[in-house]
Protein backbone atom coordinates (compact mmCIF):
# COMPACT_ATOMS: atom_id res chain seq x y z
CA MET A 1 -10.27 6.05 19.12
CA HIS A 2 -8.23 6.27 22.02
CA SER A 3 -5.19 4.98 22.42
CA ASN A 4 -3.99 3.54 25.50
CA VAL A 5 -0.28 3.38 23.83
CA LEU A 6 0.50 6.97 23.22
CA ASP A 7 -2.43 7.80 25.94
CA GLU A 8 -4.02 10.14 23.58
CA ASP A 9 -6.75 10.40 21.38
CA ARG A 10 -6.33 9.53 18.13
CA ILE A 11 -8.37 10.24 14.58
CA ILE A 12 -8.32 7.50 11.96
CA GLN A 13 -10.04 7.92 8.47
CA VAL A 14 -11.60 5.05 6.83
CA ALA A 15 -13.10 5.06 3.42
CA LEU A 16 -15.24 1.77 2.00
CA PRO A 17 -15.31 0.74 -1.24
CA ALA A 18 -18.08 1.31 -3.40
CA SER A 19 -19.47 -2.21 -3.67
CA TYR A 20 -19.22 -2.54 0.18
CA ASP A 21 -22.74 -2.77 0.72
CA GLU A 22 -24.33 -4.32 -1.91
CA PHE A 23 -21.56 -7.72 -1.29
CA SER A 24 -22.01 -8.51 2.07
CA THR A 25 -19.20 -11.13 2.03
CA GLN A 26 -16.74 -9.87 0.27
CA THR A 27 -13.90 -9.16 1.77
CA TYR A 28 -11.05 -6.46 0.67
CA PRO A 29 -7.01 -5.77 1.23
CA VAL A 30 -6.66 -2.68 3.58
CA LEU A 31 -4.31 0.02 2.35
CA TYR A 32 -2.63 2.01 5.38
CA LEU A 33 -1.67 5.32 5.03
CA LEU A 34 0.33 7.57 7.13
CA ASP A 35 -0.07 11.51 6.84
CA GLY A 36 -4.01 11.02 6.39
CA GLU A 37 -4.61 14.75 6.71
CA SER A 38 -2.61 15.61 3.57
CA ASN A 39 -3.28 12.01 1.58
CA PHE A 40 -6.77 10.44 2.17
CA TYR A 41 -8.55 12.54 -0.36
CA TYR A 42 -6.75 12.04 -3.42
CA LEU A 43 -5.73 8.43 -2.95
CA THR A 44 -9.05 7.47 -1.77
CA GLY A 45 -10.47 8.76 -5.35
CA MET A 46 -7.18 7.44 -7.40
CA ILE A 47 -8.15 4.05 -6.13
CA ASN A 48 -11.71 4.24 -6.97
CA LYS A 49 -11.28 5.14 -10.26
CA LEU A 50 -7.81 2.25 -10.91
CA SER A 51 -10.52 -0.36 -9.26
CA ARG A 52 -13.40 0.40 -11.27
CA ALA A 53 -14.31 -3.02 -13.65
CA PRO A 54 -15.37 -3.80 -15.55
CA TYR A 55 -11.16 -2.97 -16.52
CA PRO A 56 -9.67 -2.99 -12.98
CA ALA A 57 -6.11 -2.06 -12.59
CA ILE A 58 -5.68 -2.55 -8.93
CA PRO A 59 -8.95 -4.49 -6.28
CA GLU A 60 -11.01 -2.80 -4.53
CA MET A 61 -9.72 -1.85 -1.14
CA ILE A 62 -10.74 -0.62 2.37
CA VAL A 63 -8.35 2.47 3.19
CA VAL A 64 -7.11 3.54 6.43
CA GLY A 65 -5.19 6.62 7.08
CA ILE A 66 -3.76 7.98 10.20
CA VAL A 67 -4.29 11.15 11.24
CA ASN A 68 -1.11 12.93 13.08
CA THR A 69 -0.85 14.20 16.16
CA ASP A 70 2.60 14.57 16.64
CA ARG A 71 4.44 13.36 13.36
CA THR A 72 7.71 13.82 14.52
CA ARG A 73 7.51 11.91 17.66
CA ASP A 74 5.75 8.97 15.57
CA LEU A 75 7.22 9.15 12.21
CA THR A 76 10.94 8.52 13.20
CA PRO A 77 12.67 5.72 13.58
CA SER A 78 15.57 5.94 16.50
CA VAL A 79 16.03 9.24 18.55
CA VAL A 80 18.08 12.58 17.76
CA LEU A 81 19.18 14.28 20.38
CA PRO A 82 19.69 18.74 20.25
CA GLU A 83 23.94 18.21 20.82
CA ALA A 84 24.17 15.32 17.93
CA GLY A 85 23.53 18.68 15.56
CA GLU A 86 21.10 16.95 13.29
CA ASP A 87 19.01 19.65 10.72
CA VAL A 88 15.59 18.54 12.54
CA THR A 89 16.37 19.53 15.84
CA LYS A 90 16.91 23.56 14.60
CA GLU A 91 13.78 23.51 12.92
CA ARG A 92 11.69 21.56 15.75
CA ALA A 93 13.83 22.11 18.95
CA GLY A 94 12.56 20.77 22.07
CA SER A 95 10.42 18.23 19.75
CA LYS A 96 10.16 14.16 20.55
CA ASN A 97 11.51 11.82 18.07
CA GLY A 98 12.40 8.34 17.29
CA GLY A 99 8.89 7.19 18.29
CA ASN A 100 8.29 4.42 15.85
CA PRO A 101 8.52 1.52 18.29
CA GLU A 102 5.34 2.98 20.32
CA PHE A 103 4.09 4.01 17.05
CA PHE A 104 4.16 0.36 15.02
CA GLN A 105 2.24 -0.41 18.46
CA PHE A 106 0.02 1.50 18.20
CA LEU A 107 -1.00 0.56 14.46
CA GLU A 108 -0.73 -3.01 15.19
CA THR A 109 -2.38 -3.54 18.50
CA GLU A 110 -4.96 -1.10 18.49
CA VAL A 111 -5.71 0.53 15.15
CA MET A 112 -5.08 -3.33 12.59
CA PRO A 113 -7.10 -5.31 15.49
CA GLU A 114 -10.12 -2.23 15.39
CA ILE A 115 -10.21 -2.18 11.51
CA GLU A 116 -9.98 -6.01 11.12
CA LYS A 117 -13.04 -6.43 13.80
CA ASN A 118 -15.53 -4.11 12.01
CA TYR A 119 -14.48 -4.17 8.49
CA ARG A 120 -14.75 -7.00 6.14
CA THR A 121 -10.90 -7.04 5.34
CA SER A 122 -8.88 -10.20 3.71
CA ASP A 123 -5.32 -10.70 4.38
CA TYR A 124 -3.41 -8.58 1.96
CA THR A 125 -2.10 -4.65 3.14
CA VAL A 126 -0.69 -2.22 1.80
CA PHE A 127 1.66 0.13 3.95
CA VAL A 128 1.94 3.78 2.01
CA GLY A 129 4.20 6.75 3.68
CA HIS A 130 5.63 9.87 2.50
CA SER A 131 9.46 11.42 3.59
CA PHE A 132 8.80 10.89 7.47
CA GLY A 133 6.41 8.54 6.60
CA GLY A 134 8.50 6.96 4.36
CA ILE A 135 11.43 6.19 6.64
CA THR A 136 8.55 4.90 8.70
CA ALA A 137 7.50 2.51 6.25
CA LEU A 138 10.83 1.16 5.29
CA ASN A 139 11.44 0.59 9.18
CA HIS A 140 8.25 -1.39 9.58
CA LEU A 141 9.04 -3.70 6.70
CA ILE A 142 11.82 -4.84 8.64
CA ASN A 143 11.04 -4.11 11.63
CA GLY A 144 7.47 -4.24 12.16
CA GLN A 145 5.53 -7.67 14.39
CA LYS A 146 2.67 -7.47 12.04
CA LYS A 147 3.85 -6.97 8.38
CA MET A 148 2.36 -5.82 4.94
CA LYS A 149 2.67 -7.02 2.25
CA ALA A 150 3.60 -4.23 0.25
CA TYR A 151 5.56 -0.86 0.81
CA ILE A 152 4.80 2.00 -1.04
CA VAL A 153 7.37 4.95 -0.22
CA HIS A 154 7.97 8.27 -1.30
CA ASP A 155 10.96 10.18 -1.51
CA PRO A 156 12.28 9.04 2.01
CA SER A 157 13.98 11.26 4.95
CA ILE A 158 16.93 8.41 4.46
CA TRP A 159 19.40 11.39 5.86
CA TRP A 160 17.65 11.02 9.30
CA ASP A 161 19.85 10.20 11.93
CA SER A 162 23.03 10.25 9.70
CA GLY A 163 21.62 7.45 7.26
CA GLU A 164 20.27 5.13 10.37
CA MET A 165 17.54 3.72 8.15
CA LEU A 166 20.09 2.90 4.86
CA LYS A 167 22.76 0.91 7.95
CA ARG A 168 19.55 -0.92 9.26
CA TYR A 169 18.99 -2.41 5.85
CA GLN A 170 22.71 -3.08 5.29
CA ALA A 171 22.50 -4.74 8.15
CA LEU A 172 20.31 -7.24 6.69
CA LYS A 173 22.40 -8.47 3.62
CA GLY A 174 21.88 -12.01 2.66
CA SER A 175 18.98 -12.57 4.83
CA GLU A 176 15.70 -13.41 3.42
CA ILE A 177 11.85 -12.43 4.09
CA ALA A 178 8.78 -13.85 3.42
CA PRO A 179 7.41 -11.99 -0.54
CA THR A 180 7.10 -8.55 -0.24
CA LYS A 181 7.13 -5.73 -2.50
CA LEU A 182 8.69 -2.19 -2.23
CA PHE A 183 8.13 0.38 -4.62
CA VAL A 184 9.81 3.81 -3.53
CA THR A 185 9.93 6.77 -5.37
CA GLN A 186 11.90 10.44 -5.59
CA ALA A 187 11.64 14.10 -6.50
CA GLY A 188 13.42 14.36 -9.93
CA GLU A 189 17.31 16.35 -9.53
CA ALA A 190 15.82 19.56 -10.32
CA VAL A 191 15.46 19.88 -6.52
CA LYS A 192 18.85 18.94 -5.16
CA ASP A 193 19.50 22.88 -4.86
CA GLY A 194 18.47 23.66 -0.84
CA GLN A 195 17.37 19.71 -0.48
CA LEU A 196 20.92 18.02 -1.42
CA ASP A 197 21.26 16.10 1.58
CA HIS A 198 18.07 14.54 1.18
CA TYR A 199 18.18 13.96 -2.49
CA ASN A 200 21.71 12.10 -2.13
CA ASN A 201 20.66 9.82 0.59
CA VAL A 202 17.84 8.50 -1.20
CA GLN A 203 19.82 7.89 -4.23
CA GLY A 204 22.46 5.93 -1.98
CA PHE A 205 19.65 3.78 -0.26
CA ASN A 206 18.90 2.97 -3.87
CA ALA A 207 22.08 2.28 -5.30
CA TYR A 208 22.26 0.01 -2.76
CA MET A 209 18.79 -2.31 -2.92
CA GLU A 210 19.27 -2.39 -6.35
CA THR A 211 21.58 -5.30 -5.41
CA ALA A 212 19.51 -7.01 -4.33
CA PRO A 213 20.43 -7.50 -0.60
CA ILE A 214 17.29 -8.90 0.53
CA LYS A 215 16.02 -12.17 -0.90
CA GLY A 216 11.86 -12.71 -1.08
CA LEU A 217 11.69 -8.13 -1.23
CA ASP A 218 10.78 -7.42 -4.34
CA TYR A 219 12.18 -4.13 -5.33
CA ALA A 220 11.54 -1.16 -7.80
CA PHE A 221 12.49 2.88 -7.57
CA ILE A 222 11.55 5.37 -9.93
CA GLY A 223 12.55 9.17 -9.61
CA TYR A 224 10.75 11.90 -11.10
CA GLU A 225 11.97 14.71 -12.92
CA GLY A 226 9.27 17.74 -12.59
CA GLU A 227 8.62 16.48 -9.09
CA ASP A 228 9.11 18.57 -5.94
CA HIS A 229 8.99 16.44 -2.62
CA GLY A 230 5.64 17.51 -2.25
CA SER A 231 3.85 16.47 -4.99
CA VAL A 232 6.29 13.03 -5.44
CA PRO A 233 3.22 10.80 -4.39
CA MET A 234 0.75 12.15 -6.85
CA LYS A 235 2.47 10.51 -9.53
CA GLY A 236 4.37 7.58 -7.13
CA ASN A 237 0.62 6.66 -5.69
CA LEU A 238 -0.42 5.75 -9.38
CA ASP A 239 2.55 4.21 -10.32
CA GLY A 240 3.15 2.15 -7.03
CA LEU A 241 -0.13 0.67 -7.17
CA ARG A 242 0.02 -0.36 -10.79
CA TYR A 243 3.78 -2.01 -9.94
CA VAL A 244 2.10 -3.91 -6.61
CA PHE A 245 -1.18 -5.33 -8.76
CA ASP A 246 0.60 -5.49 -11.78
CA GLY A 247 -0.81 -7.99 -14.12
CA MET A 248 -4.35 -7.99 -12.40
CA ARG A 249 -6.08 -5.81 -15.35
CA LEU A 250 -7.00 -7.95 -18.22
CA ASN A 251 -9.46 -7.28 -21.71
CA ILE A 252 -12.49 -8.67 -20.87
CA LYS A 253 -13.45 -8.44 -24.46
CA ALA A 254 -10.49 -11.33 -25.05
CA ILE A 255 -13.05 -13.58 -22.44
CA PRO A 256 -14.98 -14.99 -25.70
CA ASP A 257 -11.60 -16.75 -26.69
CA ASN A 258 -10.52 -18.28 -23.50
CA PRO A 259 -13.72 -18.30 -21.00
CA ASP A 260 -10.55 -19.36 -18.64
CA LEU A 261 -8.26 -15.96 -18.89
CA ILE A 262 -9.61 -14.68 -15.70
CA LYS A 263 -8.74 -17.29 -13.41
CA GLU A 264 -5.72 -18.14 -15.19
CA GLN A 265 -4.74 -14.27 -15.17
CA TYR A 266 -5.28 -14.60 -11.24
CA ALA A 267 -3.09 -17.39 -10.64
CA VAL A 268 -0.08 -15.50 -12.55
CA LEU A 269 -1.15 -12.40 -10.19
CA SER A 270 -1.29 -14.37 -6.86
CA ASP A 271 2.48 -16.10 -7.54
CA SER A 272 3.60 -12.10 -8.11
CA LEU A 273 2.02 -11.30 -4.68
CA GLY A 274 3.33 -14.25 -2.62
CA VAL A 275 -0.30 -14.78 -1.72
CA LYS A 276 -3.76 -16.11 -3.09
CA MET A 277 -5.88 -13.19 -4.74
CA GLU A 278 -9.47 -14.39 -6.38
CA PRO A 279 -11.48 -12.13 -8.83
CA SER A 280 -13.84 -10.31 -6.39
CA GLU A 281 -17.60 -10.72 -6.65
CA PRO A 282 -18.40 -7.11 -7.58
CA TYR A 283 -15.52 -7.81 -10.58
CA LEU A 284 -16.88 -11.04 -11.86
CA ALA A 285 -20.66 -9.82 -11.25
CA ALA A 286 -19.64 -7.16 -13.57
CA VAL A 287 -18.18 -9.41 -16.03
CA ILE A 288 -20.78 -11.41 -15.82
CA SER A 289 -23.73 -8.27 -16.93
CA TYR A 290 -21.07 -7.59 -20.20
CA MET A 291 -21.52 -11.39 -21.66
CA LYS A 292 -25.23 -10.52 -21.30
CA ARG A 293 -25.29 -7.56 -23.00
CA ILE A 294 -22.97 -9.02 -26.07
CA GLU A 295 -25.70 -12.13 -25.76
CA ARG A 296 -23.18 -15.01 -25.03
CA PRO A 297 -25.09 -17.08 -22.38
CA ASP A 298 -23.05 -19.85 -22.41
CA LEU A 299 -20.37 -17.60 -21.15
CA VAL A 300 -22.63 -15.88 -18.67
CA SER A 301 -23.65 -19.78 -17.35
CA HIS A 302 -19.63 -20.85 -17.29
CA LEU A 303 -18.71 -17.31 -15.61
CA GLU A 304 -21.76 -17.78 -13.19
CA ALA A 305 -20.50 -21.65 -12.01
CA TYR A 306 -16.64 -19.99 -11.56
CA ALA A 307 -18.32 -16.82 -9.37
CA LYS A 308 -20.08 -19.55 -7.53
CA SER A 309 -17.13 -21.61 -6.75
CA LEU A 310 -15.70 -18.80 -4.95
CA TYR A 311 -18.04 -16.80 -3.31
CA PRO A 312 -20.64 -20.10 -2.03
CA ASN A 313 -22.81 -17.32 0.06
CA GLY A 314 -22.43 -14.73 -2.04
CA ASN A 315 -25.15 -12.74 -4.44
CA ILE A 316 -24.44 -14.35 -7.54
CA ALA A 317 -25.15 -17.61 -5.87
CA GLN A 318 -27.99 -16.09 -4.33
CA GLY A 319 -29.41 -14.87 -7.66
CA SER A 320 -28.66 -11.16 -6.86
CA ASN A 321 -26.86 -10.31 -9.27
């Protein structure tokens, strides 16, 4: 797509859920992913596996990867001038930086509306970023105009501009935001040699965030021993997605003992997420198929009625599943 905001062409990657074409009335959460050229393919595979019925740990999602053109320009929150002596200027002499405001405008006024216009999206959104992408995600959480419901942040470059991002969060102490989940990861202590400043700055950010300075923010942090800066997103995305949607996975073999188990568990999940989350029609179709296999017509009828109440124009209501 062409960005009028950034005055350049940008590549946007889109992966649709496996059930997208079959269930034509189903809407899906959207995960916006930074550094798409590095992360899109493994993450879409991971999401496909984690969301697979009949034991999904997360919902099926539309994944939107944003491919970089000028990463340092777009994925830094503040301008660092060469005379400031920051390390980044030594390795990227003459590069532009501090372009988060323009990048957010591109994301919110061009990318997100394009996705929402062309695909069946729900209002639950997740933002994933690593390193510079991590501080960009942290900055969006507090300064974005069209905020996400959850942020998954890997080994963020808190050191940027003498810890500017920590200072911004410190300035918000005592404030309150809409319910939002924030999951932050860090590479293990073994990487401190040569990356001590990076390591200590993430540690300092976590120490401050553990004081729960912002009301409404559900915060979690994990460090991975044995993982380095490049590998930490692999484990981090697995654990982060499970954290965001904690409580979603249930044992369908327990439904015969409690026919309303799905409804009850999704009510708890909705409270955790801060938004109403219903079981998807593809998931309900898989559970109904299981109940048919174990010859429980009473549960089939009960679950079909539940599905029709949620999706009156869906496949189950039309007798397509």
